Protein backbone atom coordinates (compact mmCIF):
# COMPACT_ATOMS: atom_id res chain seq x y z
CA UNK A 1 105.05 9.91 33.91
CA UNK A 2 105.27 9.88 37.71
CA UNK A 3 103.05 7.62 39.78
CA UNK A 4 101.37 10.63 41.43
CA UNK A 5 100.60 12.26 38.06
CA UNK A 6 99.16 8.99 36.74
CA UNK A 7 96.90 8.80 39.79
CA UNK A 8 95.75 12.39 39.27
CA UNK A 9 94.97 11.66 35.60
CA UNK A 10 93.03 8.56 36.57
CA UNK A 11 91.01 10.57 39.11
CA UNK A 12 90.20 13.19 36.49
CA UNK A 13 88.89 10.48 34.14
CA UNK A 14 86.71 8.97 36.88
CA UNK A 15 85.16 12.36 37.69
CA UNK A 16 83.03 12.23 34.54
CA UNK A 17 79.33 12.10 35.26
CA UNK A 18 77.52 8.97 34.06
CA UNK A 19 75.90 11.00 31.28
CA UNK A 20 79.22 12.45 30.14
CA UNK A 21 80.93 9.06 30.23
CA UNK A 22 78.12 7.48 28.22
CA UNK A 23 78.39 10.26 25.64
CA UNK A 24 82.15 9.73 25.47
CA UNK A 25 81.69 6.00 24.94
CA UNK A 26 79.26 6.61 22.09
CA UNK A 27 81.53 9.20 20.46
CA UNK A 28 84.54 6.89 20.48
CA UNK A 29 82.37 3.91 19.45
CA UNK A 30 81.19 5.79 16.35
CA UNK A 31 84.77 6.44 15.28
CA UNK A 32 85.83 2.89 16.21
CA UNK A 33 83.10 1.08 14.28
CA UNK A 34 83.37 3.48 11.33
CA UNK A 35 87.05 2.57 11.06
CA UNK A 36 86.96 -1.16 11.86
CA UNK A 37 83.42 -2.25 11.12
CA UNK A 38 80.85 -3.83 13.39
CA UNK A 39 82.69 -7.15 13.55
CA UNK A 40 85.33 -5.46 15.72
CA UNK A 41 85.53 -6.60 19.34
CA UNK A 42 84.26 -4.54 22.27
CA UNK A 43 87.40 -5.34 24.27
CA UNK A 44 89.36 -3.40 21.65
CA UNK A 45 86.85 -0.58 21.87
CA UNK A 46 87.20 -0.50 25.66
CA UNK A 47 90.98 -0.36 25.31
CA UNK A 48 90.68 2.53 22.87
CA UNK A 49 88.39 4.41 25.27
CA UNK A 50 90.70 3.65 28.19
CA UNK A 51 88.18 1.75 30.31
CA UNK A 52 87.62 -1.88 31.20
CA UNK A 53 85.24 -3.98 29.12
CA UNK A 54 83.01 -4.65 32.18
CA UNK A 55 82.66 -0.88 32.65
CA UNK A 56 81.61 -0.56 29.02
CA UNK A 57 78.83 -3.08 29.65
CA UNK A 58 77.61 -1.12 32.66
CA UNK A 59 76.45 1.53 30.19
CA UNK A 60 75.38 -0.78 27.37
CA UNK A 61 74.35 -4.24 28.45
CA UNK A 62 75.09 -5.75 25.03
CA UNK A 63 77.08 -4.99 21.96
CA UNK A 64 73.81 -4.93 20.00
CA UNK A 65 72.48 -2.08 22.15
CA UNK A 66 75.69 -0.12 21.71
CA UNK A 67 75.61 -0.65 17.94
CA UNK A 68 71.96 0.49 17.85
CA UNK A 69 72.90 3.65 19.75
CA UNK A 70 75.78 4.30 17.34
CA UNK A 71 73.39 3.93 14.41
CA UNK A 72 70.80 6.22 15.98
CA UNK A 73 73.40 8.92 16.65
CA UNK A 74 75.14 8.66 13.28
CA UNK A 75 72.31 7.91 10.86
CA UNK A 76 68.78 8.18 12.24
CA UNK A 77 69.34 11.51 13.99
CA UNK A 78 70.09 13.16 10.64
CA UNK A 79 66.81 12.27 9.00
CA UNK A 80 64.38 15.21 8.89
CA UNK A 81 60.66 14.23 8.84
CA UNK A 82 59.83 17.59 7.22
CA UNK A 83 61.54 16.44 4.01
CA UNK A 84 58.47 14.37 3.16
CA UNK A 85 56.20 17.40 3.66
CA UNK A 86 58.47 19.50 1.46
CA UNK A 87 58.42 17.00 -1.39
CA UNK A 88 54.60 16.93 -1.32
CA UNK A 89 54.23 20.72 -1.33
CA UNK A 90 52.84 21.46 -4.80
CA UNK A 91 52.95 25.20 -4.12
CA UNK A 92 56.56 24.82 -5.29
CA UNK A 93 57.70 23.43 -8.66
CA UNK A 94 58.83 19.82 -8.39
CA UNK A 95 62.30 20.73 -9.63
CA UNK A 96 62.67 23.26 -6.81
CA UNK A 97 61.38 20.81 -4.21
CA UNK A 98 63.85 18.15 -5.31
CA UNK A 99 66.78 20.57 -5.33
CA UNK A 100 65.93 21.80 -1.83
CA UNK A 101 65.46 18.25 -0.55
CA UNK A 102 68.64 16.77 -2.00
CA UNK A 103 70.70 19.84 -1.01
CA UNK A 104 69.48 19.47 2.58
CA UNK A 105 69.84 15.68 2.57
CA UNK A 106 73.37 15.80 1.19
CA UNK A 107 74.35 18.47 3.70
CA UNK A 108 73.07 16.24 6.53
CA UNK A 109 74.88 13.05 5.48
CA UNK A 110 78.07 14.43 3.91
CA UNK A 111 80.26 12.97 6.63
CA UNK A 112 82.75 10.07 6.56
CA UNK A 113 81.22 8.61 9.73
CA UNK A 114 77.77 8.42 8.11
CA UNK A 115 78.78 6.67 4.90
CA UNK A 116 81.15 4.22 6.63
CA UNK A 117 78.61 3.27 9.30
CA UNK A 118 75.91 2.80 6.65
CA UNK A 119 78.17 0.62 4.52
CA UNK A 120 79.60 -1.46 7.36
CA UNK A 121 76.12 -2.20 8.67
CA UNK A 122 75.28 -4.12 5.51
CA UNK A 123 78.75 -5.54 4.87
CA UNK A 124 78.85 -7.02 8.39
CA UNK A 125 75.43 -8.63 8.04
CA UNK A 126 73.38 -6.23 10.17
CA UNK A 127 69.96 -5.05 9.05
CA UNK A 128 70.24 -1.45 10.32
CA UNK A 129 70.70 0.14 6.90
CA UNK A 130 68.03 -2.10 5.41
CA UNK A 131 65.57 -0.90 8.05
CA UNK A 132 66.62 2.71 7.51
CA UNK A 133 65.91 2.35 3.79
CA UNK A 134 62.54 0.66 4.28
CA UNK A 135 61.33 3.11 6.95
CA UNK A 136 62.65 6.37 5.51
CA UNK A 137 64.25 6.30 2.07
CA UNK A 138 61.53 4.12 0.50
CA UNK A 139 58.95 6.69 1.62
CA UNK A 140 60.79 9.50 -0.13
CA UNK A 141 61.27 7.44 -3.29
CA UNK A 142 57.51 6.80 -3.31
CA UNK A 143 56.73 10.49 -2.91
CA UNK A 144 59.07 11.45 -5.75
CA UNK A 145 57.41 8.82 -7.94
CA UNK A 146 53.95 10.14 -7.09
CA UNK A 147 54.93 13.77 -7.71
CA UNK A 148 56.60 12.89 -11.01
CA UNK A 149 53.45 11.10 -12.12
CA UNK A 150 51.40 14.19 -11.32
CA UNK A 151 53.83 16.60 -12.98
CA UNK A 152 54.08 14.48 -16.12
CA UNK A 153 50.33 14.01 -16.26
CA UNK A 154 50.51 10.25 -16.47
CA UNK A 155 48.84 7.45 -14.54
CA UNK A 156 51.82 5.17 -15.00
CA UNK A 157 54.38 4.98 -12.21
CA UNK A 158 57.88 6.05 -13.25
CA UNK A 159 60.30 3.13 -13.49
CA UNK A 160 61.40 2.63 -9.87
CA UNK A 161 65.01 1.83 -10.72
CA UNK A 162 65.41 5.23 -12.38
CA UNK A 163 64.44 6.98 -9.15
CA UNK A 164 66.78 4.73 -7.18
CA UNK A 165 69.50 5.57 -9.71
CA UNK A 166 69.03 9.22 -8.75
CA UNK A 167 69.33 8.37 -5.04
CA UNK A 168 72.39 6.20 -5.57
CA UNK A 169 74.14 9.00 -7.46
CA UNK A 170 74.33 11.03 -4.25
CA UNK A 171 75.34 8.02 -2.14
CA UNK A 172 78.15 7.11 -4.52
CA UNK A 173 79.31 10.73 -4.41
CA UNK A 174 79.92 10.16 -0.68
CA UNK A 175 81.67 6.85 -1.37
CA UNK A 176 84.03 8.56 -3.80
CA UNK A 177 84.64 11.45 -1.42
CA UNK A 178 84.98 9.70 1.93
CA UNK A 179 85.94 6.09 1.16
CA UNK A 180 87.86 6.14 -2.14
CA UNK A 181 89.01 9.72 -1.42
CA UNK A 182 88.98 10.66 -5.09
CA UNK A 183 88.37 14.22 -6.37
CA UNK A 184 84.73 15.35 -6.30
CA UNK A 185 82.73 18.53 -6.93
CA UNK A 186 82.75 20.53 -3.68
CA UNK A 187 80.03 22.98 -4.68
CA UNK A 188 77.17 20.75 -3.56
CA UNK A 189 74.42 23.16 -4.66
CA UNK A 190 75.84 23.13 -8.18
CA UNK A 191 76.18 19.35 -8.01
CA UNK A 192 72.58 18.82 -6.84
CA UNK A 193 71.13 21.26 -9.38
CA UNK A 194 72.87 19.65 -12.33
CA UNK A 195 71.92 16.12 -11.23
CA UNK A 196 68.26 17.05 -10.69
CA UNK A 197 68.09 18.89 -14.02
CA UNK A 198 69.54 15.89 -15.85
CA UNK A 199 67.10 13.58 -14.05
CA UNK A 200 64.03 15.70 -14.81
CA UNK A 201 64.95 16.18 -18.44
CA UNK A 202 65.52 12.46 -18.75
CA UNK A 203 62.15 11.64 -17.21
CA UNK A 204 60.41 14.07 -19.55
CA UNK A 205 62.19 12.59 -22.55
CA UNK A 206 61.21 9.05 -21.56
CA UNK A 207 57.61 9.96 -20.83
CA UNK A 208 56.98 11.10 -24.39
CA UNK A 209 54.50 13.60 -22.96
CA UNK A 210 53.41 16.58 -25.01
CA UNK A 211 51.85 18.83 -22.38
CA UNK A 212 50.77 22.32 -23.22
CA UNK A 213 53.45 24.64 -21.82
CA UNK A 214 51.12 27.64 -21.54
CA UNK A 215 51.42 29.36 -18.16
CA UNK A 216 54.70 27.60 -17.32
CA UNK A 217 58.10 29.12 -16.73
CA UNK A 218 60.11 28.52 -19.90
CA UNK A 219 63.11 30.46 -18.66
CA UNK A 220 64.48 28.20 -15.96
CA UNK A 221 68.30 28.45 -16.26
CA UNK A 222 69.96 25.26 -17.40
CA UNK A 223 66.80 23.19 -17.78
CA UNK A 224 66.14 22.91 -21.48
CA UNK A 225 62.68 21.53 -22.17
CA UNK A 226 61.71 20.88 -18.57
CA UNK A 227 58.90 23.43 -18.53
CA UNK A 228 56.96 21.54 -21.15
CA UNK A 229 56.83 18.56 -18.83
CA UNK A 230 55.02 20.50 -16.14
CA UNK A 231 57.92 19.91 -13.74
CA UNK A 232 58.63 23.60 -13.17
CA UNK A 233 54.97 24.50 -12.84
CA UNK A 234 54.17 26.59 -9.76
CA UNK A 235 50.81 24.90 -9.13
CA UNK A 236 49.21 21.76 -10.58
CA UNK A 237 47.25 22.33 -13.77
CA UNK A 238 43.44 22.25 -13.68
CA UNK A 239 43.34 18.73 -15.12
CA UNK A 240 45.55 17.48 -12.20
CA UNK A 241 43.40 19.05 -9.47
């Protein structure tokens, strides 16, 4: 490359607006930390971006702030607050609510950057994923527990680890797909439906409930016995209201 062309290229890089350069830094930082983990050095990140490390710190005054921005862009931005409203909406059968939620959730996080950033956060001793779980995922797990209790007509809370087992099934699907790179089911709607059906049938079996199935949809495809648990009921029964 000639000296004049190198100078022209350098000028073109410096013409980025501050906003555009910051966005570029974040984009490359996401890929960098997803590949190397959060223990990686910012000087290596700066070299990968093609800027000096001092310039990097003009946009983010500490590595911690840059990491927080990476986490916000990769993880927090994908969380939809309306999911909690959906899961509480008893105008829909619980089975349908859970299928809609997990289909939407999986669609939002089915990305190698997401799962690697989430995993590296904990592996490298940061508390970002822990905070994400406590502020968001725990809330959803609690709602599912509450709605299961209502649908099953019991005052006892479902065993928490069973609900977390459901959640971890979808997370490990992403681990297999994006980290281990082993074959997975690519029809995510089919995947979600089968997992939710197995979960609901299992909860009904464990509950030992014997609810009256009158007025419930007993013809839900692929969900043997779920209707008798009240989990496919369109509205709560009179005794639950």
